[in-house]
Amino acid sequence: MTSTLTDLDILRELEPVAERHLEEHLRKARAWHPHDYVPWDDGRNFAAMGGVDWEPGQSKLSEVARTAMITNLLTEDNLPSYHREISESFSPDGVWGTWVGRWTAEENRHAIVMRDYLVVTRAVDPVALEQARMAQMTTGVAKPVQGQQFLRSVAYVTLQELATRISHRNTGAACNEPIAERMLQRIAADENLHMIFYRNLSAAALDLTPNDTVRAISDIVTRFQMPGLTQPNFRRNAVVLAKNGIYDLRQHLDGVLRPVLRSWNVFERTDLSGDGERARDEIAAYLDELALEATRFEERRDRAAARQAERAALAP
């Protein structure tokens, strides 16, 4: 289907909406400083400066917490790719350029504070972390779906910011360490405000061009991948995180997709026709399929946990 509005048309029409929500974001956003969330007293030199290099026994985090922290940090590290993609989908001019710059600056703090925390506390191998960062940023990230980009990009980042918020908060709890939890709660609060901005833009786009926007939402929802997909060992690590409640299919369905779609009134809209209605049907069918997959995954996870508990009980 050919859109009746180009990306440029949509940007022009939604500029007042973006201005209003940028002002709201700036009112709600709380200034914070990465150095206030790092226990600097824990720091000491590595071998190159006359100290001792990292060894696994120095980490106070569990294997699950380390995996989650590394996955989340490498995701945040890829900010240059996200900046490029969102800049190309938006515009460098006016409120769009102001938002992209502000969003990028706020997101950059997340990688800064997480890396400082992990290195200072010796929670992870800093050499391996740097190697993974180089690999992740060299690969970068591509547009989630080809085609007209603004509507798809805004739908994607709405879901991605909310998913990342959930992952950060659950990672903080898994760390079982108050400083890490406080830090990740602060990051999650940023992600929530970013999600609200993008969610509101998509809501306005739905009113402006409903059929095209629901088509874009369907394309994103049914093909959604977390932005860390290209990082080393992502699929293996994602399974570990899912099994341990950091981020799984049920959280994606009930904590991300359903609340956002409900906020957009996707299934209650009366202004859809043709491809817009087909796209809505695709979304409904996908949610049903995902619910079945989530249930199957939970059943497998529960059986595995029961077997592990039984083996532990029988062990001498």
Protein backbone atom coordinates (compact mmCIF):
# COMPACT_ATOMS: atom_id res chain seq x y z
CA MET A 1 0.00 0.00 0.00
CA THR A 2 1.31 3.47 -0.89
CA SER A 3 1.15 5.94 1.97
CA THR A 4 -0.91 9.06 1.40
CA LEU A 5 1.55 10.99 3.59
CA THR A 6 5.32 11.01 3.19
CA ASP A 7 7.68 11.03 6.15
CA LEU A 8 8.22 14.73 5.52
CA ASP A 9 4.47 15.38 5.57
CA ILE A 10 4.16 13.52 8.88
CA LEU A 11 7.10 15.37 10.43
CA ARG A 12 5.52 18.70 9.51
CA GLU A 13 2.10 17.74 10.84
CA LEU A 14 3.43 16.33 14.09
CA GLU A 15 5.94 19.07 14.86
CA PRO A 16 3.58 20.89 17.30
CA VAL A 17 2.93 17.58 19.06
CA ALA A 18 6.66 16.93 19.36
CA GLU A 19 7.23 20.43 20.74
CA ARG A 20 4.57 19.94 23.41
CA HIS A 21 5.89 16.57 24.50
CA LEU A 22 9.51 17.72 24.46
CA GLU A 23 8.55 20.51 26.86
CA GLU A 24 6.75 17.98 29.04
CA HIS A 25 9.78 15.69 28.99
CA LEU A 26 12.10 18.50 30.06
CA ARG A 27 9.78 19.33 32.95
CA LYS A 28 9.73 15.74 34.18
CA ALA A 29 13.34 14.72 33.53
CA ARG A 30 15.52 14.87 36.64
CA ALA A 31 19.16 15.84 36.30
CA TRP A 32 21.55 13.18 37.59
CA HIS A 33 25.26 12.51 37.39
CA PRO A 34 26.90 9.16 36.68
CA HIS A 35 29.69 9.69 39.20
CA ASP A 36 27.11 9.75 42.02
CA TYR A 37 26.20 6.12 41.36
CA VAL A 38 29.67 4.55 41.43
CA PRO A 39 31.44 3.31 44.62
CA TRP A 40 34.80 4.85 43.81
CA ASP A 41 36.33 3.67 47.11
CA ASP A 42 36.16 0.13 45.71
CA GLY A 43 38.51 1.03 42.87
CA ARG A 44 42.15 -0.03 42.57
CA ASN A 45 44.75 -0.18 39.83
CA PHE A 46 45.03 -2.93 37.25
CA ALA A 47 48.34 -4.51 36.26
CA ALA A 48 49.28 -1.84 33.72
CA MET A 49 49.33 0.67 36.59
CA GLY A 50 51.12 -1.60 39.06
CA GLY A 51 48.03 -3.32 40.44
CA VAL A 52 46.32 -6.67 39.86
CA ASP A 53 44.33 -7.64 36.79
CA TRP A 54 40.79 -9.02 36.95
CA GLU A 55 40.05 -12.54 38.11
CA PRO A 56 36.59 -14.16 38.35
CA GLY A 57 36.76 -14.41 42.12
CA GLN A 58 36.80 -10.62 42.41
CA SER A 59 33.20 -10.30 41.21
CA LYS A 60 30.48 -10.13 43.83
CA LEU A 61 27.70 -10.62 41.25
CA SER A 62 26.10 -13.92 40.32
CA GLU A 63 26.60 -15.35 36.85
CA VAL A 64 23.07 -14.32 35.90
CA ALA A 65 23.57 -10.76 37.15
CA ARG A 66 26.89 -10.48 35.29
CA THR A 67 25.31 -11.75 32.07
CA ALA A 68 22.44 -9.30 32.41
CA MET A 69 24.70 -6.36 33.19
CA ILE A 70 26.97 -7.09 30.24
CA THR A 71 24.02 -7.53 27.88
CA ASN A 72 22.43 -4.29 29.02
CA LEU A 73 25.68 -2.34 28.84
CA LEU A 74 26.56 -3.57 25.35
CA THR A 75 23.06 -2.57 24.26
CA GLU A 76 23.63 0.93 25.63
CA ASP A 77 27.08 1.05 24.04
CA ASN A 78 25.56 0.90 20.56
CA LEU A 79 24.16 4.42 20.96
CA PRO A 80 25.97 5.81 17.87
CA SER A 81 24.00 3.38 15.69
CA TYR A 82 20.71 4.28 17.36
CA HIS A 83 21.49 7.99 17.01
CA ARG A 84 22.17 7.56 13.32
CA GLU A 85 18.99 5.58 12.71
CA ILE A 86 16.70 7.89 14.65
CA SER A 87 18.31 10.98 13.09
CA GLU A 88 17.66 9.60 9.62
CA SER A 89 14.05 8.81 10.54
CA PHE A 90 13.44 12.21 12.11
CA SER A 91 15.14 15.44 11.05
CA PRO A 92 18.17 17.46 12.20
CA ASP A 93 16.06 20.62 12.16
CA GLY A 94 13.81 22.27 14.72
CA VAL A 95 12.23 20.30 17.52
CA TRP A 96 13.17 16.98 15.92
CA GLY A 97 16.88 17.77 16.05
CA THR A 98 16.55 19.11 19.59
CA TRP A 99 14.86 15.91 20.76
CA VAL A 100 17.39 13.63 19.07
CA GLY A 101 20.24 15.54 20.70
CA ARG A 102 18.63 15.51 24.13
CA TRP A 103 17.69 11.82 23.89
CA THR A 104 21.21 10.90 22.79
CA ALA A 105 22.79 12.84 25.67
CA GLU A 106 20.52 11.19 28.22
CA GLU A 107 21.09 7.73 26.80
CA ASN A 108 24.87 8.21 26.80
CA ARG A 109 24.86 8.50 30.60
CA HIS A 110 23.62 4.93 30.84
CA ALA A 111 26.72 3.37 29.28
CA ILE A 112 28.99 5.73 31.22
CA VAL A 113 27.64 4.85 34.64
CA MET A 114 27.26 1.13 33.99
CA ARG A 115 30.81 0.74 32.72
CA ASP A 116 32.27 2.79 35.58
CA TYR A 117 30.37 0.66 38.10
CA LEU A 118 31.39 -2.65 36.54
CA VAL A 119 35.08 -1.72 36.21
CA VAL A 120 35.45 -0.07 39.61
CA THR A 121 33.76 -2.96 41.44
CA ARG A 122 35.55 -5.55 39.27
CA ALA A 123 32.20 -7.17 38.58
CA VAL A 124 33.18 -8.33 35.08
CA ASP A 125 36.31 -8.90 33.02
CA PRO A 126 37.13 -5.42 31.62
CA VAL A 127 39.22 -6.82 28.76
CA ALA A 128 36.46 -9.13 27.56
CA LEU A 129 33.97 -6.30 28.01
CA GLU A 130 36.03 -4.01 25.79
CA GLN A 131 36.43 -6.69 23.15
CA ALA A 132 32.66 -7.21 23.12
CA ARG A 133 32.08 -3.45 22.88
CA MET A 134 34.34 -3.20 19.85
CA ALA A 135 32.56 -6.10 18.15
CA GLN A 136 29.11 -4.75 18.96
CA MET A 137 29.78 -1.23 17.77
CA THR A 138 31.56 -2.41 14.63
CA THR A 139 28.51 -4.46 13.67
CA GLY A 140 26.11 -1.69 14.65
CA VAL A 141 22.37 -2.01 14.19
CA ALA A 142 20.15 -1.79 11.13
CA LYS A 143 16.68 -0.39 10.63
CA PRO A 144 14.13 -2.75 12.21
CA VAL A 145 12.00 -2.92 9.04
CA GLN A 146 12.65 -1.52 5.59
CA GLY A 147 10.28 0.97 4.01
CA GLN A 148 8.92 4.33 5.14
CA GLN A 149 10.81 4.92 8.35
CA PHE A 150 9.25 7.51 10.66
CA LEU A 151 6.17 5.52 11.67
CA ARG A 152 8.11 2.28 12.02
CA SER A 153 10.96 3.88 13.93
CA VAL A 154 8.66 5.56 16.45
CA ALA A 155 6.72 2.33 16.98
CA TYR A 156 9.96 0.40 17.47
CA VAL A 157 11.56 2.75 19.97
CA THR A 158 8.32 2.90 21.97
CA LEU A 159 8.46 -0.86 22.49
CA GLN A 160 12.25 -0.98 22.84
CA GLU A 161 12.43 1.72 25.52
CA LEU A 162 9.79 -0.03 27.60
CA ALA A 163 11.48 -3.42 27.16
CA THR A 164 14.80 -1.92 28.20
CA ARG A 165 13.23 -0.33 31.26
CA ILE A 166 11.94 -3.73 32.39
CA SER A 167 15.29 -5.40 31.72
CA HIS A 168 17.23 -2.78 33.69
CA ARG A 169 14.93 -2.94 36.70
CA ASN A 170 15.00 -6.75 36.80
CA THR A 171 18.77 -6.74 36.40
CA GLY A 172 19.06 -4.40 39.36
CA ALA A 173 17.05 -6.79 41.50
CA ALA A 174 19.14 -9.76 40.30
CA CYS A 175 22.36 -8.03 41.35
CA ASN A 176 21.29 -8.22 44.99
CA GLU A 177 23.50 -5.21 45.61
CA PRO A 178 21.98 -1.86 46.65
CA ILE A 179 24.27 0.42 44.63
CA ALA A 180 23.70 -1.49 41.40
CA GLU A 181 19.96 -1.59 42.01
CA ARG A 182 19.82 2.15 42.69
CA MET A 183 21.84 2.84 39.53
CA LEU A 184 19.67 0.67 37.31
CA GLN A 185 16.46 2.11 38.74
CA ARG A 186 17.77 5.55 37.76
CA ILE A 187 18.48 4.36 34.23
CA ALA A 188 15.06 2.69 34.02
CA ALA A 189 13.40 5.99 34.96
CA ASP A 190 15.08 7.64 31.96
CA GLU A 191 13.93 4.85 29.68
CA ASN A 192 10.36 5.26 30.88
CA LEU A 193 10.30 8.97 30.03
CA HIS A 194 11.74 8.23 26.60
CA MET A 195 9.08 5.58 26.03
CA ILE A 196 6.34 8.07 26.95
CA PHE A 197 7.63 10.61 24.41
CA TYR A 198 7.68 8.06 21.59
CA ARG A 199 4.38 6.49 22.62
CA ASN A 200 2.71 9.90 22.48
CA LEU A 201 4.15 10.56 19.02
CA SER A 202 2.77 7.27 17.77
CA ALA A 203 -0.62 8.08 19.29
CA ALA A 204 -0.68 11.36 17.39
CA ALA A 205 0.40 9.58 14.19
CA LEU A 206 -2.49 7.14 14.63
CA ASP A 207 -4.93 10.04 14.60
CA LEU A 208 -3.18 11.63 11.62
CA THR A 209 -2.83 8.58 9.38
CA PRO A 210 -4.40 5.58 11.12
CA ASN A 211 -4.09 2.92 8.42
CA ASP A 212 -0.43 3.60 7.71
CA THR A 213 0.43 3.78 11.40
CA VAL A 214 -1.27 0.49 12.29
CA ARG A 215 0.53 -1.11 9.35
CA ALA A 216 3.82 0.23 10.74
CA ILE A 217 2.93 -1.03 14.23
CA SER A 218 2.13 -4.49 12.87
CA ASP A 219 5.42 -4.62 10.97
CA ILE A 220 7.31 -3.81 14.17
CA VAL A 221 5.31 -5.88 16.66
CA THR A 222 5.43 -9.06 14.58
CA ARG A 223 9.15 -8.72 13.78
CA PHE A 224 10.41 -7.17 17.00
CA GLN A 225 13.99 -7.88 18.05
CA MET A 226 15.82 -6.37 21.00
CA PRO A 227 18.51 -3.87 19.91
CA GLY A 228 21.27 -6.04 21.39
CA LEU A 229 20.65 -8.76 18.81
CA THR A 230 23.98 -8.17 17.05
CA GLN A 231 26.18 -8.37 20.17
CA PRO A 232 28.39 -11.43 20.77
CA ASN A 233 26.57 -14.43 22.29
CA PHE A 234 23.29 -12.50 22.43
CA ARG A 235 20.96 -15.41 21.73
CA ARG A 236 22.62 -17.65 24.30
CA ASN A 237 22.61 -14.87 26.88
CA ALA A 238 18.99 -14.00 26.10
CA VAL A 239 18.01 -17.58 26.98
CA VAL A 240 19.82 -17.27 30.32
CA LEU A 241 18.04 -14.00 31.05
CA ALA A 242 14.66 -15.42 30.07
CA LYS A 243 15.12 -18.50 32.26
CA ASN A 244 15.97 -16.27 35.22
CA GLY A 245 13.19 -13.72 34.85
CA ILE A 246 15.21 -10.77 33.56
CA TYR A 247 13.28 -10.52 30.29
CA ASP A 248 11.14 -13.26 28.78
CA LEU A 249 8.24 -13.74 26.39
CA ARG A 250 5.60 -13.22 29.08
CA GLN A 251 7.13 -9.92 30.12
CA HIS A 252 7.33 -8.87 26.47
CA LEU A 253 3.70 -9.75 25.91
CA ASP A 254 2.09 -8.58 29.16
CA GLY A 255 4.54 -5.86 30.15
CA VAL A 256 5.27 -4.28 26.76
CA LEU A 257 3.03 -5.20 23.84
CA ARG A 258 -0.39 -5.33 25.49
CA PRO A 259 -0.03 -2.14 27.59
CA VAL A 260 1.29 -0.11 24.64
CA LEU A 261 -1.32 -1.40 22.20
CA ARG A 262 -4.00 -0.68 24.80
CA SER A 263 -2.67 2.87 25.22
CA TRP A 264 -2.91 3.34 21.46
CA ASN A 265 -6.47 1.88 21.37
CA VAL A 266 -5.41 -0.25 18.43
CA PHE A 267 -8.23 -2.77 18.83
CA GLU A 268 -10.93 -0.20 19.59
CA ARG A 269 -10.32 2.13 16.67
CA THR A 270 -13.19 2.75 14.26
CA ASP A 271 -11.19 4.73 11.67
CA LEU A 272 -9.38 1.80 10.04
CA SER A 273 -10.01 0.31 6.63
CA GLY A 274 -8.30 -1.90 4.09
CA ASP A 275 -4.67 -2.51 4.96
CA GLY A 276 -5.12 -0.92 8.38
CA GLU A 277 -7.73 -3.52 9.32
CA ARG A 278 -5.57 -6.32 7.93
CA ALA A 279 -2.63 -5.05 9.96
CA ARG A 280 -4.73 -5.00 13.12
CA ASP A 281 -5.80 -8.60 12.48
CA GLU A 282 -2.13 -9.55 12.07
CA ILE A 283 -1.34 -7.99 15.44
CA ALA A 284 -4.20 -9.86 17.16
CA ALA A 285 -3.12 -13.18 15.65
CA TYR A 286 0.49 -12.56 16.65
CA LEU A 287 -0.47 -11.81 20.27
CA ASP A 288 -2.38 -15.09 20.44
CA GLU A 289 0.60 -16.97 19.02
CA LEU A 290 3.01 -15.26 21.41
CA ALA A 291 0.78 -16.12 24.38
CA LEU A 292 1.00 -19.81 23.44
CA GLU A 293 4.78 -19.58 23.06
CA ALA A 294 5.09 -17.87 26.44
CA THR A 295 3.04 -20.58 28.11
CA ARG A 296 5.13 -23.34 26.53
CA PHE A 297 8.34 -21.62 27.61
CA GLU A 298 7.06 -21.25 31.18
CA GLU A 299 6.08 -24.91 31.31
CA ARG A 300 9.52 -25.99 30.10
CA ARG A 301 11.20 -23.66 32.59
CA ASP A 302 9.08 -24.97 35.45
CA ARG A 303 9.83 -28.59 34.55
CA ALA A 304 13.55 -27.86 34.38
CA ALA A 305 13.43 -26.11 37.75
CA ALA A 306 11.56 -29.04 39.28
CA ARG A 307 14.14 -31.51 37.96
CA GLN A 308 16.97 -29.40 39.30
CA ALA A 309 15.31 -29.18 42.71
CA GLU A 310 14.78 -32.94 42.74
CA ARG A 311 18.44 -33.60 41.92
CA ALA A 312 19.51 -31.20 44.64
CA ALA A 313 17.31 -32.96 47.19
CA LEU A 314 18.80 -36.37 46.27
CA ALA A 315 22.38 -35.18 46.36
CA PRO A 316 24.42 -36.48 49.35
